[in-house]
Protein backbone atom coordinates (compact mmCIF):
# COMPACT_ATOMS: atom_id res chain seq x y z
CA UNK A 1 -27.40 50.06 36.78
CA UNK A 2 -30.67 49.03 38.38
CA UNK A 3 -30.60 45.65 40.25
CA UNK A 4 -33.22 43.19 39.07
CA UNK A 5 -32.37 40.02 40.77
CA UNK A 6 -29.66 38.56 43.01
CA UNK A 7 -29.15 35.18 44.63
CA UNK A 8 -27.91 36.89 47.77
CA UNK A 9 -29.98 35.61 50.70
CA UNK A 10 -31.23 32.54 48.91
CA UNK A 11 -30.58 29.11 50.28
CA UNK A 12 -27.61 27.56 48.41
CA UNK A 13 -29.74 24.54 47.63
CA UNK A 14 -32.17 26.65 45.59
CA UNK A 15 -30.10 29.53 44.25
CA UNK A 16 -29.11 28.02 40.94
CA UNK A 17 -32.57 26.77 40.10
CA UNK A 18 -34.13 30.17 40.82
CA UNK A 19 -31.33 31.93 38.83
CA UNK A 20 -31.94 29.65 35.91
CA UNK A 21 -35.70 30.44 35.99
CA UNK A 22 -35.03 34.15 36.09
CA UNK A 23 -32.68 34.14 33.05
CA UNK A 24 -35.15 31.89 31.19
CA UNK A 25 -37.87 34.48 31.71
CA UNK A 26 -35.88 37.72 31.17
CA UNK A 27 -33.34 36.78 28.50
CA UNK A 28 -33.98 33.68 26.33
CA UNK A 29 -35.17 30.14 26.96
CA UNK A 30 -31.89 28.21 27.60
CA UNK A 31 -30.72 24.99 29.04
CA UNK A 32 -28.22 25.63 31.84
CA UNK A 33 -25.96 23.28 33.81
CA UNK A 34 -23.44 23.95 36.46
CA UNK A 35 -19.75 23.21 35.91
CA UNK A 36 -18.44 23.19 39.48
CA UNK A 37 -19.57 22.54 43.02
CA UNK A 38 -18.90 26.00 44.48
CA UNK A 39 -21.80 27.88 46.12
CA UNK A 40 -23.65 29.46 43.21
CA UNK A 41 -24.13 33.23 43.09
CA UNK A 42 -25.72 35.35 40.36
CA UNK A 43 -26.79 38.97 39.87
CA UNK A 44 -28.62 40.78 37.11
CA UNK A 45 -28.79 44.58 36.59
CA UNK A 46 -30.39 46.47 33.76
CA UNK A 47 -30.29 49.91 32.14
CA UNK A 48 -31.98 51.55 29.20
CA UNK A 49 -30.39 54.26 27.05
CA UNK A 50 -32.66 55.53 24.27
CA UNK A 51 -33.88 52.39 22.46
CA UNK A 52 -31.06 50.18 23.72
CA UNK A 53 -31.71 47.63 26.49
CA UNK A 54 -28.72 46.50 28.46
CA UNK A 55 -28.29 43.79 31.06
CA UNK A 56 -25.22 43.19 33.24
CA UNK A 57 -25.02 39.56 34.37
CA UNK A 58 -22.61 38.23 36.96
CA UNK A 59 -22.63 34.47 37.48
CA UNK A 60 -20.61 31.33 38.20
CA UNK A 61 -19.32 28.52 36.03
CA UNK A 62 -22.17 27.43 33.71
CA UNK A 63 -22.85 25.90 30.40
CA UNK A 64 -25.81 27.57 28.69
CA UNK A 65 -27.34 26.21 25.50
CA UNK A 66 -30.01 27.67 23.26
CA UNK A 67 -31.56 24.65 21.60
CA UNK A 68 -33.38 24.76 18.23
CA UNK A 69 -36.67 24.33 20.02
CA UNK A 70 -35.89 27.15 22.48
CA UNK A 71 -34.83 29.36 19.64
CA UNK A 72 -38.21 28.88 17.97
CA UNK A 73 -40.23 29.52 21.09
CA UNK A 74 -38.92 32.83 22.29
CA UNK A 75 -40.24 36.16 20.96
CA UNK A 76 -36.87 37.78 20.10
CA UNK A 77 -36.21 36.23 16.68
CA UNK A 78 -35.60 39.67 15.19
CA UNK A 79 -32.95 40.61 17.69
CA UNK A 80 -29.18 40.05 18.02
CA UNK A 81 -27.08 40.29 21.19
CA UNK A 82 -23.73 42.06 21.54
CA UNK A 83 -21.81 40.80 24.61
CA UNK A 84 -19.11 42.93 26.27
CA UNK A 85 -16.89 40.77 28.49
CA UNK A 86 -16.27 42.57 31.74
CA UNK A 87 -14.66 40.00 34.05
CA UNK A 88 -13.74 36.30 34.07
CA UNK A 89 -13.63 34.20 30.92
CA UNK A 90 -16.20 32.62 28.65
CA UNK A 91 -16.48 30.79 25.33
CA UNK A 92 -19.18 30.63 22.71
CA UNK A 93 -20.17 28.45 19.83
CA UNK A 94 -22.56 29.42 17.11
CA UNK A 95 -22.87 28.95 13.32
CA UNK A 96 -19.93 26.55 13.29
CA UNK A 97 -17.59 29.11 14.79
CA UNK A 98 -16.20 29.06 18.38
CA UNK A 99 -14.18 31.57 20.32
CA UNK A 100 -12.96 32.55 23.75
CA UNK A 101 -13.62 35.88 25.39
CA UNK A 102 -11.59 37.60 28.06
CA UNK A 103 -12.20 40.95 29.74
CA UNK A 104 -12.43 43.76 27.19
CA UNK A 105 -13.47 41.42 24.32
CA UNK A 106 -16.78 41.81 22.40
CA UNK A 107 -18.77 39.12 20.63
CA UNK A 108 -22.07 38.99 18.73
CA UNK A 109 -24.61 36.20 19.21
CA UNK A 110 -27.89 35.69 17.35
CA UNK A 111 -31.05 34.21 18.78
CA UNK A 112 -30.30 30.84 17.10
CA UNK A 113 -28.91 27.62 18.53
CA UNK A 114 -25.72 28.39 20.46
CA UNK A 115 -23.62 27.30 23.39
CA UNK A 116 -22.04 29.70 25.92
CA UNK A 117 -19.72 28.56 28.71
CA UNK A 118 -18.75 30.90 31.56
CA UNK A 119 -16.01 30.48 34.14
CA UNK A 120 -16.14 31.44 37.82
CA UNK A 121 -16.73 35.09 38.51
CA UNK A 122 -17.91 35.83 34.98
CA UNK A 123 -19.48 39.22 34.28
CA UNK A 124 -20.81 40.34 30.94
CA UNK A 125 -22.81 43.20 29.57
CA UNK A 126 -25.59 42.10 27.16
CA UNK A 127 -26.90 44.66 24.63
CA UNK A 128 -29.82 43.63 22.55
CA UNK A 129 -30.59 45.39 19.28
CA UNK A 130 -32.57 44.72 16.10
CA UNK A 131 -30.71 42.36 13.84
CA UNK A 132 -31.55 44.53 10.83
CA UNK A 133 -29.42 47.34 12.28
CA UNK A 134 -26.39 45.17 11.93
CA UNK A 135 -27.30 43.31 8.76
CA UNK A 136 -28.12 46.56 6.81
CA UNK A 137 -24.50 47.54 7.24
CA UNK A 138 -22.56 44.29 7.64
CA UNK A 139 -24.52 41.56 5.95
CA UNK A 140 -25.99 38.34 7.53
CA UNK A 141 -25.05 37.83 11.15
CA UNK A 142 -23.86 34.32 10.25
CA UNK A 143 -20.75 36.03 8.92
CA UNK A 144 -19.65 37.29 12.31
CA UNK A 145 -21.54 35.48 15.16
CA UNK A 146 -19.09 34.04 17.75
CA UNK A 147 -16.32 36.04 16.16
CA UNK A 148 -14.40 37.51 19.14
CA UNK A 149 -13.39 41.14 18.78
CA UNK A 150 -10.38 41.39 21.05
CA UNK A 151 -9.59 44.19 23.43
CA UNK A 152 -6.43 44.86 21.44
CA UNK A 153 -8.44 46.30 18.59
CA UNK A 154 -8.72 50.04 18.86
CA UNK A 155 -12.40 49.94 17.97
CA UNK A 156 -13.15 47.38 20.61
CA UNK A 157 -11.42 49.42 23.29
CA UNK A 158 -13.27 52.57 22.16
CA UNK A 159 -16.66 50.79 22.11
CA UNK A 160 -16.13 49.29 25.57
CA UNK A 161 -15.12 52.63 27.02
CA UNK A 162 -18.03 54.38 25.41
CA UNK A 163 -20.63 51.97 26.83
CA UNK A 164 -19.03 51.97 30.27
CA UNK A 165 -19.17 55.76 30.38
CA UNK A 166 -22.68 55.88 28.89
CA UNK A 167 -24.01 53.75 31.67
CA UNK A 168 -22.55 56.15 34.24
CA UNK A 169 -24.04 59.33 32.64
CA UNK A 170 -27.32 57.99 31.27
CA UNK A 171 -29.46 59.71 33.95
CA UNK A 172 -28.13 63.08 32.87
CA UNK A 173 -29.29 62.60 29.21
CA UNK A 174 -32.63 63.89 27.95
CA UNK A 175 -34.50 61.45 25.66
CA UNK A 176 -33.25 62.95 22.41
CA UNK A 177 -29.67 62.95 23.56
CA UNK A 178 -30.05 59.37 24.85
CA UNK A 179 -31.30 58.18 21.47
CA UNK A 180 -28.42 59.95 19.74
CA UNK A 181 -25.92 58.29 22.06
CA UNK A 182 -27.45 54.94 21.50
CA UNK A 183 -27.10 55.47 17.71
CA UNK A 184 -23.41 56.39 18.19
CA UNK A 185 -22.94 53.26 20.30
CA UNK A 186 -24.32 50.96 17.55
CA UNK A 187 -22.06 52.69 15.02
CA UNK A 188 -19.11 51.86 17.24
CA UNK A 189 -20.13 48.21 17.43
CA UNK A 190 -20.45 48.14 13.65
CA UNK A 191 -16.90 49.50 13.38
CA UNK A 192 -15.68 46.79 15.71
CA UNK A 193 -17.23 44.05 13.65
CA UNK A 194 -16.06 45.54 10.35
CA UNK A 195 -12.48 45.85 11.61
CA UNK A 196 -12.43 42.25 12.94
CA UNK A 197 -13.97 40.80 9.76
CA UNK A 198 -11.30 42.53 7.67
CA UNK A 199 -8.61 40.46 9.42
CA UNK A 200 -7.72 37.09 7.90
CA UNK A 201 -10.97 36.94 5.98
CA UNK A 202 -11.18 34.14 3.33
CA UNK A 203 -10.56 35.46 -0.13
CA UNK A 204 -13.99 34.56 -1.55
CA UNK A 205 -15.51 36.77 1.15
CA UNK A 206 -13.02 39.65 0.78
CA UNK A 207 -15.14 41.61 -1.71
CA UNK A 208 -18.20 41.25 0.50
CA UNK A 209 -16.36 42.44 3.56
CA UNK A 210 -14.99 45.46 1.64
CA UNK A 211 -18.42 46.48 0.59
CA UNK A 212 -19.79 45.96 4.08
CA UNK A 213 -16.98 48.06 5.54
CA UNK A 214 -17.72 50.77 2.94
CA UNK A 215 -21.43 50.73 3.90
CA UNK A 216 -20.54 50.89 7.54
CA UNK A 217 -18.35 53.91 6.89
CA UNK A 218 -21.22 55.59 5.00
CA UNK A 219 -23.58 55.02 7.94
CA UNK A 220 -21.12 56.53 10.33
CA UNK A 221 -20.48 59.59 8.15
CA UNK A 222 -23.89 60.41 6.65
CA UNK A 223 -23.74 63.90 7.99
CA UNK A 224 -20.46 64.70 6.14
CA UNK A 225 -21.43 66.62 2.99
CA UNK A 226 -17.95 65.94 1.48
CA UNK A 227 -18.36 62.19 1.63
CA UNK A 228 -17.95 60.88 -1.95
CA UNK A 229 -16.76 57.70 -3.68
CA UNK A 230 -13.04 58.62 -3.68
CA UNK A 231 -13.10 59.46 0.03
CA UNK A 232 -14.95 56.19 0.71
CA UNK A 233 -12.50 54.08 -1.27
CA UNK A 234 -9.57 55.64 0.61
CA UNK A 235 -11.33 54.96 3.93
CA UNK A 236 -11.62 51.24 3.28
CA UNK A 237 -8.16 50.91 1.68
CA UNK A 238 -8.95 50.01 -1.90
CA UNK A 239 -8.81 51.92 -5.19
CA UNK A 240 -11.85 53.78 -6.39
CA UNK A 241 -12.02 51.56 -9.48
CA UNK A 242 -11.98 48.37 -7.32
CA UNK A 243 -14.72 49.74 -5.06
CA UNK A 244 -16.82 50.64 -8.04
CA UNK A 245 -16.41 47.10 -9.41
CA UNK A 246 -17.47 45.57 -6.11
CA UNK A 247 -20.60 47.72 -5.95
CA UNK A 248 -21.41 47.06 -9.63
CA UNK A 249 -21.12 43.27 -9.01
CA UNK A 250 -23.99 43.78 -6.50
CA UNK A 251 -26.07 45.84 -8.86
CA UNK A 252 -25.33 49.14 -7.12
CA UNK A 253 -23.48 52.38 -7.72
CA UNK A 254 -21.49 53.98 -4.88
CA UNK A 255 -23.01 57.48 -5.33
CA UNK A 256 -26.55 56.09 -5.52
CA UNK A 257 -25.99 54.09 -2.33
CA UNK A 258 -24.77 57.19 -0.45
CA UNK A 259 -27.73 59.36 -1.54
CA UNK A 260 -30.14 56.49 -0.85
CA UNK A 261 -28.91 56.12 2.76
CA UNK A 262 -28.98 59.88 3.29
CA UNK A 263 -32.61 60.02 2.06
CA UNK A 264 -33.64 57.00 4.11
CA UNK A 265 -32.05 58.47 7.26
CA UNK A 266 -33.74 61.79 6.64
CA UNK A 267 -37.12 60.07 6.10
CA UNK A 268 -36.64 58.18 9.40
CA UNK A 269 -35.91 61.38 11.27
CA UNK A 270 -38.79 63.23 9.72
CA UNK A 271 -41.21 60.45 10.81
CA UNK A 272 -39.93 60.38 14.35
CA UNK A 273 -42.38 62.20 16.70
CA UNK A 274 -39.55 62.98 19.13
CA UNK A 275 -37.89 65.06 16.50
CA UNK A 276 -40.93 67.15 15.56
CA UNK A 277 -39.23 70.28 16.81
CA UNK A 278 -36.23 69.87 14.52
CA UNK A 279 -36.42 72.10 11.48
CA UNK A 280 -36.39 70.43 8.08
CA UNK A 281 -33.19 72.29 7.18
CA UNK A 282 -31.48 70.86 10.20
CA UNK A 283 -32.55 67.39 9.17
CA UNK A 284 -31.15 67.99 5.67
CA UNK A 285 -27.82 69.22 6.90
CA UNK A 286 -27.60 66.45 9.51
CA UNK A 287 -27.95 63.88 6.73
CA UNK A 288 -25.21 65.43 4.57
CA UNK A 289 -27.17 67.68 2.16
CA UNK A 290 -25.40 70.97 1.34
CA UNK A 291 -28.68 72.88 0.91
CA UNK A 292 -32.32 72.57 1.85
CA UNK A 293 -33.39 73.08 -1.74
CA UNK A 294 -31.22 70.22 -2.96
CA UNK A 295 -32.57 68.01 -0.19
CA UNK A 296 -36.23 68.88 -0.96
CA UNK A 297 -35.78 68.14 -4.66
CA UNK A 298 -34.17 64.74 -4.10
CA UNK A 299 -36.62 63.86 -1.31
CA UNK A 300 -39.63 64.55 -3.51
CA UNK A 301 -38.08 62.56 -6.34
CA UNK A 302 -37.67 59.57 -3.96
CA UNK A 303 -40.85 59.73 -1.87
CA UNK A 304 -43.28 61.58 -4.17
CA UNK A 305 -43.89 64.49 -1.77
CA UNK A 306 -41.94 67.36 -0.07
CA UNK A 307 -40.34 66.67 3.27
CA UNK A 308 -42.92 68.80 5.10
CA UNK A 309 -45.83 66.82 3.66
CA UNK A 310 -44.01 63.59 4.42
CA UNK A 311 -43.55 64.56 8.07
CA UNK A 312 -47.20 65.61 8.37
CA UNK A 313 -48.45 62.36 6.86
CA UNK A 314 -46.18 60.33 9.11
CA UNK A 315 -47.44 62.06 12.27
CA UNK A 316 -51.07 61.60 11.12
CA UNK A 317 -50.55 57.84 10.67
CA UNK A 318 -49.23 57.48 14.24
CA UNK A 319 -51.81 59.71 15.90
């Protein structure tokens, strides 16, 4: 990763103050206080992969608080932060939930009031992404902020390994490949959260969690043309009838949701200038349509124009 700032070489008397100012400027406005009298050391490194921005932060024992006033002042209100714990220990408190993180654990924090405490030698990877990317598949972030996803979860281990390797090979990826890899990474994070939420979830929330897990599975498997309601029910471990009931309670039908997400994904890809070279048939197959004719018919029903016209209009609007 690319070094951005380090306290190496700074006078010990000034190192913490300067570190605090750097984090205030580059991350979020936070109140920070030291928790020990050891010489303070901090280091920040950054990397970009596709649309994902990542920061690796190494620092000493600190208490960091995002106050209500600070949360209102910063310009990242639409973003959420996924934290991969790399070394040391930390704890976080947000939305009435608190947890402890050890190396290999993952936790989500929103840009709202929160308290994070780090121990000596703490190192974390911060990944910032639009909140809507999580909420469209998992529901409001308040359901899972400060919920630690332990390294013992298979999905957490897989996600941590993926991002560690992604950082290593990012320079060998062309822009399209980098964006695809970033999308896969977000899908892995969603899988982690869904798996963790499914454990010991309060009964009133159980139906919500099942639907969220089902929607997350749909997102991760949009390109599978065989994906259907029975397969989806089996994937989340409930009967087809029960899954249908849960969707109906929310005014939705399973099949309609699957087709809706396929069409929305296709529309997004068609409007992306970086994918202008991708043939419409490839977009259709990549979003789970068995034939281009079927895709064109459904797309026109949804958006009022054929896919080719939609792409042309989208490119004109961004020219």
